[in-house]
Amino acid sequence: MKKQTRHKLHQVYRLKDGTIVPGGSTIAGMIDKGFGMLRSAVKLTKEGLDYERVWADKADVGTIAHARILADLKGVKVNLDEYSPLLVKASDYCMESYFNWKSQHKVKALKCEEQFVSEKMKVGGTMDFIGEVDGVLALADYKTGGIYESAYIQTPGYMLIAAENGLDVKIGRILNFPRTKDDSFKDIILSPAEVVAYGDIFKKLCEIYWIKNALKKEG
């Protein structure tokens, strides 16, 4: 479905001293979701599909939706020429959910797809959305596929990173803009207790990451 083969580069985050640190999605992804992915791979294989290709196309649809949402919030045009028309068309359903959500709220974007680094936790993150939603400063993480526990960890983790960078975010949201009619739109607002608890898990996972990193160096 793609016009050409592209290689996605992982974002590189660095501390002030130049140390490369992991991204928040890597940290949150340490919570195992392997069984669900294995089950999906088996199901697609039984259907005669190349699961890696299917996953790659789904990831591209998510990337396209992110780009289109960013362009809408900034009031600019987006160039999607590197993607096939089929993949761009497939993102329309995501956008329908996005525009429905936006029409129901007063949205003022402040920071979108911007990168921040936490010197304390030694982790970075690219924030999908930081801005006012109905007059309250919120951080939202977009999802276009399934919502795993890692999403509940990543969002409060990003709130911690934002706070360290002077952004006093009050609300954490997980916005699921589905790719197909088989899935449903979700606007998950984390409770204060969830923000604290999952934020603590994020901090602990950062500690575990760096302990394991030190062990690799020793090995």
Protein backbone atom coordinates (compact mmCIF):
# COMPACT_ATOMS: atom_id res chain seq x y z
CA MET A 1 0.00 0.00 0.00
CA LYS A 2 2.96 2.33 0.45
CA LYS A 3 4.47 4.24 -2.43
CA GLN A 4 7.95 3.52 -1.20
CA THR A 5 9.80 1.76 1.59
CA ARG A 6 10.69 4.11 4.41
CA HIS A 7 12.77 3.56 7.52
CA LYS A 8 11.43 5.24 10.62
CA LEU A 9 14.04 6.69 12.95
CA HIS A 10 13.52 6.61 16.68
CA GLN A 11 13.56 10.01 18.30
CA VAL A 12 16.78 10.62 20.22
CA TYR A 13 16.49 12.41 23.56
CA ARG A 14 19.52 13.82 25.36
CA LEU A 15 20.18 15.26 28.79
CA LYS A 16 21.99 18.58 29.13
CA ASP A 17 25.31 16.72 29.42
CA GLY A 18 24.64 14.89 26.14
CA THR A 19 23.61 11.56 27.66
CA ILE A 20 21.12 9.72 25.44
CA VAL A 21 18.00 8.71 27.34
CA PRO A 22 14.98 6.53 26.43
CA GLY A 23 11.61 7.85 25.38
CA GLY A 24 8.54 7.61 27.54
CA SER A 25 6.92 5.06 25.22
CA THR A 26 9.94 2.78 25.70
CA ILE A 27 9.66 3.10 29.47
CA ALA A 28 5.89 2.51 29.55
CA GLY A 29 6.30 -0.37 27.07
CA MET A 30 8.36 -2.27 29.65
CA ILE A 31 5.00 -3.43 30.97
CA ASP A 32 4.54 -6.66 29.05
CA LYS A 33 1.85 -6.71 26.38
CA GLY A 34 3.53 -9.42 24.35
CA PHE A 35 0.74 -11.99 24.69
CA GLY A 36 -1.80 -9.73 23.01
CA MET A 37 0.57 -9.03 20.13
CA LEU A 38 1.37 -12.73 19.77
CA ARG A 39 -2.33 -13.57 19.64
CA SER A 40 -2.84 -10.91 16.96
CA ALA A 41 0.07 -12.24 14.91
CA VAL A 42 -1.29 -15.78 15.05
CA LYS A 43 -4.79 -14.62 14.06
CA LEU A 44 -3.50 -12.66 11.04
CA THR A 45 -1.27 -15.53 9.95
CA LYS A 46 -4.22 -17.94 10.04
CA GLU A 47 -6.08 -15.50 7.81
CA GLY A 48 -3.22 -15.72 5.31
CA LEU A 49 -1.94 -12.20 5.99
CA ASP A 50 1.57 -10.92 6.56
CA TYR A 51 1.18 -9.61 10.11
CA GLU A 52 4.31 -7.46 9.91
CA ARG A 53 2.95 -5.70 6.81
CA VAL A 54 -0.47 -5.29 8.42
CA TRP A 55 1.07 -3.81 11.56
CA ALA A 56 3.31 -1.50 9.51
CA ASP A 57 0.33 -0.18 7.55
CA LYS A 58 -1.66 0.34 10.75
CA ALA A 59 1.28 2.21 12.27
CA ASP A 60 1.43 4.43 9.17
CA VAL A 61 -2.28 5.18 9.45
CA GLY A 62 -1.64 6.29 13.02
CA THR A 63 1.29 8.44 11.91
CA ILE A 64 -0.85 10.04 9.20
CA ALA A 65 -3.66 10.74 11.67
CA HIS A 66 -1.18 12.36 14.08
CA ALA A 67 0.13 14.57 11.26
CA ARG A 68 -3.36 15.57 10.16
CA ILE A 69 -4.43 16.41 13.72
CA LEU A 70 -1.29 18.49 14.25
CA ALA A 71 -1.92 20.36 11.00
CA ASP A 72 -5.51 21.09 12.03
CA LEU A 73 -4.49 22.39 15.46
CA LYS A 74 -1.83 24.63 13.92
CA GLY A 75 -4.04 25.70 11.02
CA VAL A 76 -1.58 24.57 8.35
CA LYS A 77 -1.61 22.14 5.43
CA VAL A 78 0.05 18.77 5.72
CA ASN A 79 2.03 17.03 2.98
CA LEU A 80 1.25 13.31 2.85
CA ASP A 81 2.70 12.59 -0.58
CA GLU A 82 5.03 9.91 0.78
CA TYR A 83 2.03 7.77 1.74
CA SER A 84 -0.31 5.91 -0.58
CA PRO A 85 -3.81 7.37 -1.07
CA LEU A 86 -5.21 4.17 0.46
CA LEU A 87 -3.38 4.76 3.74
CA VAL A 88 -4.39 8.43 3.79
CA LYS A 89 -7.99 7.42 3.14
CA ALA A 90 -7.77 4.87 5.94
CA SER A 91 -6.99 7.68 8.38
CA ASP A 92 -10.30 9.41 7.60
CA TYR A 93 -12.12 7.42 10.26
CA CYS A 94 -9.59 8.59 12.87
CA MET A 95 -10.16 12.16 11.78
CA GLU A 96 -13.93 11.80 11.98
CA SER A 97 -13.61 10.86 15.65
CA TYR A 98 -11.13 13.68 16.24
CA PHE A 99 -13.38 16.35 14.71
CA ASN A 100 -16.38 15.02 16.65
CA TRP A 101 -14.39 15.27 19.89
CA LYS A 102 -13.08 18.73 19.05
CA SER A 103 -16.56 20.03 18.23
CA GLN A 104 -17.73 19.10 21.74
CA HIS A 105 -14.97 20.98 23.56
CA LYS A 106 -13.25 24.34 23.59
CA VAL A 107 -9.73 23.39 22.54
CA LYS A 108 -6.71 25.69 22.61
CA ALA A 109 -3.45 23.99 21.66
CA LEU A 110 -0.23 25.25 23.28
CA LYS A 111 2.37 22.52 22.73
CA CYS A 112 1.83 19.83 20.09
CA GLU A 113 4.32 17.14 19.06
CA GLU A 114 6.95 18.95 21.12
CA GLN A 115 9.85 17.17 22.77
CA PHE A 116 10.80 17.45 26.43
CA VAL A 117 13.38 15.78 28.63
CA SER A 118 13.38 15.02 32.35
CA GLU A 119 16.81 15.45 33.91
CA LYS A 120 15.50 13.86 37.14
CA MET A 121 14.07 10.67 35.65
CA LYS A 122 16.49 10.58 32.70
CA VAL A 123 13.77 10.13 30.11
CA GLY A 124 12.35 12.07 27.18
CA GLY A 125 8.99 12.34 25.49
CA THR A 126 7.19 13.83 22.52
CA MET A 127 3.87 15.21 23.72
CA ASP A 128 0.96 14.78 21.32
CA PHE A 129 -1.01 17.62 22.88
CA ILE A 130 -0.65 20.06 25.74
CA GLY A 131 -3.24 22.79 25.85
CA GLU A 132 -6.48 24.00 27.31
CA VAL A 133 -9.56 21.82 27.00
CA ASP A 134 -12.62 23.62 28.28
CA GLY A 135 -10.36 26.10 30.05
CA VAL A 136 -8.25 23.52 31.91
CA LEU A 137 -4.62 22.75 31.03
CA ALA A 138 -4.54 19.16 29.82
CA LEU A 139 -2.10 16.70 28.33
CA ALA A 140 -3.51 14.25 25.82
CA ASP A 141 -1.91 11.20 24.28
CA TYR A 142 -3.42 9.98 21.01
CA LYS A 143 -3.96 6.31 20.28
CA THR A 144 -5.29 4.81 17.05
CA GLY A 145 -5.08 1.15 18.07
CA GLY A 146 -5.72 -0.81 21.22
CA ILE A 147 -5.27 0.84 24.60
CA TYR A 148 -2.90 -1.17 26.76
CA GLU A 149 -1.92 -0.57 30.37
CA SER A 150 1.21 1.11 29.05
CA ALA A 151 -0.96 4.03 27.89
CA TYR A 152 -2.14 4.60 31.46
CA ILE A 153 1.50 4.68 32.55
CA GLN A 154 2.83 6.82 29.70
CA THR A 155 0.33 9.67 30.09
CA PRO A 156 1.06 10.42 33.79
CA GLY A 157 4.75 9.94 32.99
CA TYR A 158 4.50 12.65 30.37
CA MET A 159 2.66 14.83 32.88
CA LEU A 160 5.66 14.48 35.21
CA ILE A 161 8.05 15.40 32.41
CA ALA A 162 5.87 18.40 31.52
CA ALA A 163 5.76 19.55 35.15
CA GLU A 164 9.56 19.42 35.36
CA ASN A 165 9.61 21.70 32.32
CA GLY A 166 7.31 24.28 33.90
CA LEU A 167 3.94 23.10 32.56
CA ASP A 168 1.43 22.56 35.37
CA VAL A 169 -0.87 20.11 33.60
CA LYS A 170 -4.08 19.46 35.53
CA ILE A 171 -5.70 16.72 33.44
CA GLY A 172 -4.33 13.64 31.71
CA ARG A 173 -6.37 12.25 28.81
CA ILE A 174 -6.01 9.24 26.53
CA LEU A 175 -7.79 9.92 23.25
CA ASN A 176 -8.42 6.84 21.16
CA PHE A 177 -9.25 7.75 17.55
CA PRO A 178 -10.08 4.35 16.03
CA ARG A 179 -9.01 3.32 12.54
CA THR A 180 -12.13 1.26 11.77
CA LYS A 181 -15.77 1.06 12.74
CA ASP A 182 -14.96 -2.16 14.61
CA ASP A 183 -13.35 -0.03 17.32
CA SER A 184 -14.92 2.76 19.32
CA PHE A 185 -13.81 6.30 20.18
CA LYS A 186 -12.67 6.77 23.77
CA ASP A 187 -11.85 9.89 25.76
CA ILE A 188 -10.31 8.53 28.94
CA ILE A 189 -9.73 11.12 31.66
CA LEU A 190 -7.42 9.77 34.34
CA SER A 191 -8.51 10.30 37.92
CA PRO A 192 -6.15 12.10 40.33
CA ALA A 193 -5.49 8.76 42.04
CA GLU A 194 -4.61 7.13 38.70
CA VAL A 195 -2.29 9.99 37.80
CA VAL A 196 -0.39 9.56 41.07
CA ALA A 197 -0.30 5.75 41.04
CA TYR A 198 0.64 5.31 37.37
CA GLY A 199 3.07 8.22 37.66
CA ASP A 200 4.81 6.35 40.48
CA ILE A 201 4.96 3.24 38.28
CA PHE A 202 6.51 5.32 35.49
CA LYS A 203 9.19 6.61 37.86
CA LYS A 204 9.94 3.09 39.09
CA LEU A 205 10.19 1.81 35.51
CA CYS A 206 12.70 4.58 34.77
CA GLU A 207 14.76 3.38 37.73
CA ILE A 208 14.54 -0.22 36.52
CA TYR A 209 15.57 0.82 33.01
CA TRP A 210 18.75 2.49 34.25
CA ILE A 211 19.57 -0.40 36.62
CA LYS A 212 19.29 -2.82 33.69
CA ASN A 213 21.33 -0.44 31.54
CA ALA A 214 24.11 -0.47 34.13
CA LEU A 215 24.02 -4.27 34.23
CA LYS A 216 24.42 -4.43 30.44
CA LYS A 217 27.51 -2.25 30.69
CA GLU A 218 28.92 -4.51 33.40
CA GLY A 219 28.18 -7.56 31.25
